[in-house]
Protein backbone atom coordinates (compact mmCIF):
# COMPACT_ATOMS: atom_id res chain seq x y z
CA MET A 1 -25.04 -38.93 -14.85
CA THR A 2 -23.48 -36.03 -16.34
CA ASP A 3 -20.09 -34.91 -14.66
CA LEU A 4 -20.40 -31.25 -14.20
CA THR A 5 -16.70 -31.12 -12.21
CA THR A 6 -13.68 -29.33 -13.01
CA SER A 7 -10.56 -27.73 -11.52
CA TYR A 8 -9.42 -24.50 -11.70
CA LEU A 9 -6.38 -23.30 -9.59
CA GLY A 10 -5.92 -26.76 -8.35
CA LEU A 11 -9.66 -26.10 -6.60
CA GLN A 12 -11.86 -28.81 -7.44
CA LEU A 13 -15.10 -27.09 -8.32
CA LYS A 14 -18.64 -28.72 -8.60
CA ASN A 15 -18.94 -27.10 -12.02
CA PRO A 16 -17.46 -24.42 -14.53
CA LEU A 17 -19.54 -21.47 -13.49
CA VAL A 18 -17.70 -18.88 -11.22
CA ALA A 19 -19.40 -15.25 -10.40
CA SER A 20 -16.89 -13.06 -10.98
CA ALA A 21 -15.89 -9.88 -8.99
CA SER A 22 -18.57 -7.59 -9.36
CA PRO A 23 -20.99 -5.29 -6.85
CA LEU A 24 -23.08 -8.54 -6.18
CA SER A 25 -20.34 -10.05 -3.70
CA GLU A 26 -20.77 -6.48 -1.47
CA SER A 27 -23.50 -8.66 0.34
CA LEU A 28 -23.33 -11.87 2.34
CA ASP A 29 -26.96 -12.65 1.48
CA ASN A 30 -25.83 -12.22 -2.21
CA TYR A 31 -23.00 -14.68 -2.03
CA ARG A 32 -25.66 -17.34 -0.48
CA ARG A 33 -28.14 -16.66 -2.86
CA LEU A 34 -25.52 -17.21 -5.84
CA GLU A 35 -24.19 -20.53 -3.99
CA ASP A 36 -27.85 -21.57 -3.94
CA ALA A 37 -28.46 -21.01 -7.53
CA GLY A 38 -25.30 -23.25 -8.04
CA VAL A 39 -22.22 -21.61 -9.02
CA ALA A 40 -18.91 -23.15 -8.14
CA ALA A 41 -17.01 -20.23 -6.52
CA VAL A 42 -17.34 -16.79 -6.02
CA VAL A 43 -14.69 -13.92 -6.72
CA ASN A 44 -14.88 -11.10 -4.44
CA TYR A 45 -15.35 -7.81 -5.16
CA SER A 46 -11.75 -5.98 -6.12
CA LEU A 47 -9.64 -4.03 -3.57
CA PHE A 48 -8.28 -0.83 -5.04
CA GLU A 49 -4.82 0.16 -3.54
CA GLU A 50 -5.64 3.46 -4.57
CA GLU A 51 -8.73 3.49 -2.21
CA ILE A 52 -6.63 2.04 0.16
CA THR A 53 -3.53 4.83 0.02
CA HIS A 54 -6.63 7.63 -0.06
CA GLU A 55 -7.89 6.01 3.21
CA SER A 56 -4.57 6.24 4.50
CA TYR A 57 -3.58 9.72 3.97
CA GLU A 58 -7.35 10.88 4.90
CA LEU A 59 -6.65 9.10 8.26
CA HIS A 60 -3.27 10.91 8.69
CA HIS A 61 -5.02 14.15 8.09
CA HIS A 62 -7.60 13.98 11.01
CA LEU A 63 -5.06 12.22 13.46
CA THR A 64 -2.87 14.98 12.90
CA GLN A 65 -4.96 18.45 12.03
CA GLY A 66 -4.24 20.92 14.62
CA THR A 67 -2.22 18.98 17.06
CA GLU A 68 0.31 22.01 16.94
CA SER A 69 -1.50 24.48 17.99
CA TYR A 70 -2.78 24.16 21.90
CA ALA A 71 -3.87 21.00 24.03
CA GLU A 72 -7.60 21.43 23.25
CA SER A 73 -6.45 20.47 20.11
CA LEU A 74 -6.40 16.75 20.72
CA SER A 75 -10.45 16.91 20.80
CA TYR A 76 -9.94 17.10 17.01
CA PHE A 77 -9.05 13.60 17.24
CA PRO A 78 -12.21 11.59 15.12
CA GLU A 79 -14.57 9.04 16.58
CA PRO A 80 -13.81 5.21 15.73
CA GLU A 81 -16.71 4.95 13.40
CA TYR A 82 -15.36 8.22 11.70
CA PHE A 83 -13.33 6.04 9.54
CA LYS A 84 -12.49 2.68 8.30
CA LEU A 85 -9.38 1.39 6.72
CA GLY A 86 -9.97 -0.45 3.42
CA PRO A 87 -7.97 -3.07 4.05
CA GLU A 88 -9.55 -4.23 7.16
CA GLU A 89 -13.12 -4.25 6.10
CA TYR A 90 -12.25 -5.80 2.80
CA CYS A 91 -10.85 -8.97 4.90
CA LYS A 92 -13.95 -8.77 7.41
CA HIS A 93 -16.10 -9.25 4.65
CA ILE A 94 -14.12 -12.04 3.07
CA GLN A 95 -13.68 -13.65 6.28
CA HIS A 96 -17.18 -13.47 6.95
CA ALA A 97 -18.09 -14.99 3.51
CA VAL A 98 -16.01 -17.86 3.80
CA GLU A 99 -18.04 -18.90 6.99
CA ALA A 100 -21.05 -17.91 5.20
CA VAL A 101 -20.85 -20.26 2.43
CA ASP A 102 -19.29 -23.98 1.33
CA ILE A 103 -18.02 -22.62 -1.61
CA PRO A 104 -14.40 -21.14 -2.59
CA VAL A 105 -14.36 -17.37 -2.27
CA ILE A 106 -11.55 -16.13 -3.91
CA GLY A 107 -9.98 -12.42 -3.41
CA SER A 108 -9.11 -9.97 -6.13
CA LEU A 109 -6.54 -7.29 -5.25
CA ASN A 110 -6.56 -4.24 -7.89
CA GLY A 111 -3.19 -2.46 -7.21
CA HIS A 112 -0.50 -0.59 -8.31
CA SER A 113 2.52 -0.41 -6.39
CA LEU A 114 4.75 -3.57 -5.72
CA GLY A 115 4.80 -2.96 -1.82
CA GLY A 116 0.90 -2.76 -1.67
CA TRP A 117 0.39 -6.17 -4.44
CA THR A 118 2.45 -7.94 -1.85
CA LYS A 119 1.09 -6.05 1.78
CA TYR A 120 -2.55 -6.83 0.99
CA ALA A 121 -2.07 -10.20 -1.01
CA GLN A 122 -0.84 -11.19 2.62
CA LEU A 123 -4.13 -9.85 4.07
CA ILE A 124 -6.50 -11.69 2.18
CA GLU A 125 -4.51 -14.83 2.04
CA GLU A 126 -5.23 -14.55 6.54
CA ALA A 127 -8.53 -13.68 5.95
CA GLY A 128 -9.14 -17.08 4.61
CA ALA A 129 -9.37 -16.39 0.78
CA ALA A 130 -9.40 -20.14 -1.28
CA ALA A 131 -7.53 -18.05 -3.82
CA LEU A 132 -6.33 -14.59 -5.04
CA GLU A 133 -7.13 -13.02 -8.63
CA LEU A 134 -4.39 -10.20 -9.09
CA ASN A 135 -6.84 -7.89 -11.51
CA LEU A 136 -3.69 -5.76 -13.33
CA TYR A 137 -5.91 -3.17 -14.62
CA TYR A 138 -2.96 -0.52 -15.34
CA LEU A 139 -3.56 1.78 -18.49
CA PRO A 140 0.40 3.18 -19.48
CA THR A 141 -0.48 6.65 -20.72
CA ASP A 142 3.29 7.49 -21.10
CA PRO A 143 4.69 7.30 -24.39
CA GLU A 144 8.37 6.76 -22.74
CA VAL A 145 7.46 3.43 -21.17
CA SER A 146 7.76 0.64 -23.64
CA GLY A 147 5.57 -2.19 -24.07
CA GLN A 148 8.28 -4.46 -22.60
CA GLU A 149 8.62 -2.31 -19.79
CA ILE A 150 5.31 -2.87 -18.85
CA GLU A 151 5.36 -6.59 -19.03
CA ARG A 152 8.75 -6.94 -16.72
CA ARG A 153 6.55 -4.56 -14.49
CA TYR A 154 3.51 -6.94 -14.64
CA LEU A 155 6.24 -9.97 -14.39
CA GLU A 156 8.01 -8.51 -11.29
CA VAL A 157 4.49 -8.09 -9.44
CA ILE A 158 3.58 -11.51 -10.02
CA ARG A 159 6.76 -12.97 -8.58
CA GLN A 160 6.61 -11.09 -5.51
CA VAL A 161 3.21 -11.51 -4.97
CA ARG A 162 3.60 -15.64 -5.62
CA SER A 163 6.91 -15.69 -2.91
CA SER A 164 4.34 -13.51 -0.37
CA VAL A 165 0.94 -15.81 -0.17
CA SER A 166 0.71 -19.79 -0.72
CA ILE A 167 -3.20 -19.72 -1.96
CA PRO A 168 -3.60 -20.16 -5.79
CA LEU A 169 -2.45 -17.36 -7.94
CA ALA A 170 -4.56 -16.10 -10.91
CA VAL A 171 -4.07 -13.46 -13.18
CA LYS A 172 -6.20 -11.58 -14.50
CA LEU A 173 -5.39 -9.70 -17.95
CA SER A 174 -5.96 -6.93 -20.71
CA PRO A 175 -6.12 -8.10 -24.32
CA PHE A 176 -3.90 -4.87 -25.21
CA PHE A 177 -0.44 -6.54 -25.37
CA SER A 178 1.67 -6.87 -28.70
CA ALA A 179 2.61 -10.56 -28.12
CA MET A 180 -0.13 -12.20 -25.96
CA ALA A 181 1.15 -15.83 -26.65
CA HIS A 182 4.73 -15.16 -25.04
CA LEU A 183 3.33 -13.21 -21.88
CA ALA A 184 0.68 -15.45 -21.11
CA ARG A 185 3.77 -18.41 -20.89
CA SER A 186 6.00 -15.76 -19.20
CA ILE A 187 2.98 -15.11 -16.30
CA ASP A 188 2.55 -19.12 -16.12
CA LEU A 189 6.57 -19.65 -15.73
CA ALA A 190 6.42 -16.47 -12.90
CA GLY A 191 4.14 -18.61 -11.06
CA ALA A 192 0.89 -17.81 -11.79
CA ASP A 193 -1.77 -20.95 -11.16
CA GLY A 194 -4.38 -19.42 -13.73
CA LEU A 195 -5.09 -16.67 -16.05
CA VAL A 196 -8.41 -14.95 -16.32
CA LEU A 197 -8.96 -13.64 -19.96
CA PHE A 198 -10.02 -10.86 -20.35
CA ASN A 199 -10.20 -7.63 -17.90
CA ARG A 200 -12.16 -4.78 -19.84
CA PHE A 201 -10.81 -1.33 -19.58
CA TYR A 202 -14.32 0.75 -19.17
CA GLN A 203 -13.89 3.82 -21.79
CA PRO A 204 -15.20 7.06 -20.60
CA ASP A 205 -17.49 9.21 -22.37
CA ILE A 206 -18.23 13.16 -22.81
CA ASP A 207 -21.18 14.60 -22.15
CA LEU A 208 -21.98 17.62 -24.90
CA GLU A 209 -24.30 19.53 -22.54
CA GLU A 210 -21.84 19.67 -19.35
CA LEU A 211 -18.95 19.86 -21.37
CA GLU A 212 -16.47 16.92 -19.02
CA VAL A 213 -15.68 13.32 -19.04
CA VAL A 214 -18.10 11.32 -17.53
CA PRO A 215 -17.34 7.24 -16.66
CA ASN A 216 -19.65 4.85 -18.61
CA VAL A 217 -20.19 1.30 -17.69
CA LEU A 218 -21.85 -1.12 -20.31
CA LEU A 219 -22.24 -4.35 -19.49
CA SER A 220 -20.97 -7.05 -22.30
CA ASN A 221 -23.21 -9.40 -24.57
CA SER A 222 -22.11 -12.79 -25.82
CA GLN A 223 -20.79 -11.00 -28.59
CA SER A 224 -17.78 -9.60 -26.33
CA LEU A 225 -17.41 -13.77 -26.14
CA ARG A 226 -15.34 -13.84 -29.38
CA LEU A 227 -12.12 -12.25 -28.19
CA PRO A 228 -11.26 -14.40 -25.00
CA LEU A 229 -12.83 -17.29 -26.84
CA ARG A 230 -9.95 -17.03 -29.33
CA TRP A 231 -7.10 -16.71 -27.37
CA ILE A 232 -8.15 -19.10 -24.73
CA ALA A 233 -7.90 -21.41 -27.96
CA ILE A 234 -4.46 -20.66 -28.84
CA LEU A 235 -3.11 -21.18 -25.54
CA PHE A 236 -4.88 -24.32 -24.58
CA GLY A 237 -2.46 -26.87 -24.58
CA HIS A 238 0.70 -24.52 -24.57
CA LEU A 239 0.29 -23.71 -20.61
CA GLN A 240 0.49 -25.53 -17.04
CA CYS A 241 -1.97 -22.98 -15.85
CA SER A 242 -5.39 -22.95 -15.25
CA LEU A 243 -7.80 -20.91 -18.51
CA ALA A 244 -10.71 -18.41 -17.06
CA GLY A 245 -13.09 -16.86 -19.32
CA THR A 246 -14.81 -13.95 -18.88
CA GLY A 247 -16.56 -10.97 -20.56
CA GLY A 248 -19.75 -12.31 -22.19
CA VAL A 249 -20.85 -15.01 -21.00
CA HIS A 250 -24.57 -15.04 -20.91
CA THR A 251 -26.18 -18.19 -21.35
CA ALA A 252 -25.32 -22.01 -21.30
CA GLN A 253 -24.09 -21.95 -25.12
CA ASP A 254 -21.43 -19.14 -24.30
CA ALA A 255 -20.44 -21.68 -21.01
CA LEU A 256 -19.92 -24.57 -23.37
CA LYS A 257 -18.14 -22.20 -25.91
CA MET A 258 -15.18 -21.59 -23.54
CA VAL A 259 -15.11 -25.31 -22.27
CA MET A 260 -14.68 -26.44 -25.44
CA ALA A 261 -11.94 -23.68 -26.36
CA GLY A 262 -9.99 -24.80 -23.43
CA ALA A 263 -11.48 -23.27 -19.99
CA ASP A 264 -11.80 -24.59 -17.22
CA VAL A 265 -14.19 -22.19 -15.93
CA ALA A 266 -16.40 -19.60 -17.79
CA MET A 267 -17.09 -16.42 -15.44
CA LEU A 268 -20.32 -14.58 -15.06
CA CYS A 269 -20.89 -10.87 -14.64
CA SER A 270 -23.49 -8.74 -16.65
CA ALA A 271 -25.29 -11.64 -17.03
CA LEU A 272 -26.20 -11.75 -13.44
CA LEU A 273 -26.63 -7.69 -13.15
CA ARG A 274 -28.70 -7.90 -15.91
CA ASN A 275 -30.86 -11.22 -15.34
CA GLY A 276 -30.59 -11.66 -11.64
CA ILE A 277 -28.66 -14.07 -9.81
CA ASP A 278 -31.53 -17.05 -10.56
CA HIS A 279 -30.18 -17.29 -14.03
CA VAL A 280 -27.74 -19.18 -13.11
CA ARG A 281 -29.94 -22.21 -12.81
CA GLU A 282 -30.92 -21.58 -16.16
CA VAL A 283 -27.47 -21.61 -17.85
CA LEU A 284 -26.62 -24.63 -15.24
CA SER A 285 -29.68 -26.49 -16.86
CA GLU A 286 -29.53 -25.61 -20.19
CA LEU A 287 -25.69 -26.75 -20.13
CA VAL A 288 -26.83 -30.54 -18.66
CA GLU A 289 -29.61 -30.17 -21.35
CA TRP A 290 -27.50 -29.68 -24.11
CA MET A 291 -24.52 -32.34 -23.32
CA GLN A 292 -27.19 -35.36 -22.19
CA GLU A 293 -28.47 -34.65 -26.00
CA ARG A 294 -25.08 -34.81 -27.15
CA GLU A 295 -23.94 -37.64 -25.34
CA TYR A 296 -21.16 -35.81 -23.10
CA ASP A 297 -20.21 -37.36 -20.00
CA SER A 298 -18.30 -34.70 -18.49
CA VAL A 299 -17.32 -31.58 -18.67
CA ARG A 300 -13.68 -32.80 -19.02
CA GLN A 301 -14.45 -34.75 -21.96
CA MET A 302 -15.15 -31.31 -23.98
CA ARG A 303 -12.53 -29.18 -22.53
CA GLY A 304 -10.26 -28.25 -25.27
CA SER A 305 -12.16 -30.00 -28.31
CA LEU A 306 -12.05 -26.78 -30.43
CA SER A 307 -9.35 -25.51 -29.54
CA GLN A 308 -6.46 -24.71 -31.65
CA ARG A 309 -4.97 -28.10 -31.36
CA SER A 310 -7.83 -29.92 -31.46
CA CYS A 311 -9.69 -27.52 -34.10
CA PRO A 312 -10.02 -29.30 -38.25
CA ASP A 313 -9.23 -25.93 -39.14
CA PRO A 314 -7.05 -24.12 -36.61
CA ALA A 315 -6.49 -21.05 -38.84
CA ALA A 316 -9.79 -20.14 -37.89
CA PHE A 317 -8.22 -18.82 -34.75
CA GLU A 318 -5.34 -16.77 -36.70
CA ARG A 319 -5.23 -14.34 -39.37
CA ALA A 320 -5.14 -17.04 -42.24
CA ASN A 321 -8.91 -17.16 -42.13
CA TYR A 322 -9.35 -13.29 -41.88
CA MET A 323 -9.70 -12.90 -45.81
CA ARG A 324 -12.22 -15.65 -45.80
CA ALA A 325 -14.34 -14.10 -43.45
CA LEU A 326 -14.34 -10.94 -45.13
CA ARG A 327 -14.94 -12.40 -48.35
CA THR A 328 -17.80 -14.57 -47.30
CA TYR A 329 -19.86 -11.73 -45.66
CA ARG A 330 -22.80 -10.89 -47.65
CA VAL A 331 -24.58 -7.41 -47.49
CA ASN A 332 -28.44 -7.38 -47.31
């Protein structure tokens, strides 16, 4: 019998397929459907610190509006259902999800201030999350801020959060760093239990009719797999922490590539949004079929077998293969 089990962040999972943070996790019914379809864990949608800060300011405004006018101003106090505090609702949802399914529920936190990261990380842990994913989604636009300073801030956040919670901690990064391998090792040494590669910055578009900048969310495809695949293959064997591949995992072949490059788990998002939750069944079935045809007994046996460390041509993951790739391309 094919053994699909894997270990991620110290969590024992029944297979390497994990549902990454997406709107699907806003529904408890979807949590149950994801579990039934076969995913091994779910990363809950992200709690954004900006949203919490905005709601806190809004609540303060409604609580204090008109209080210096006259006694009747007390009637300005909003009804309880008028507002909801972001972290409270998020943590309730985590708690209910944990109660609804038997697979691990992983919280996701997207913050910007050091105090915010640690405070909300503790709340998510108290809600019962099996682990926490730090979604480091910061786009530096100040030309006075160096890359070294950005990395220093990231590591400070990771160390502070690591010291404030006891549950496993994953760090989700963007690919835009000049020395990715060095930063990955620094994050590992800072106490992270896993790296999730990579976060996607959603690029805005320009509406030429309305003459305004508009958000533009484009779902990934299997071609998006190349970037995380390359870096997971390079980092495998050099870090103590787990590795997760996200972005471009749509098929069983995509998941297999991630595992063989060195990932503990392959995360699905766009594939589920585009094809539906039951798509997981097809991916799992084809994954098992492929392994059996090639006589792989387990996921552990495959993991890292085509990483840079194990690849017969390790230069394929580096610049040395760049010229060869260009010269072998032929125009039809």
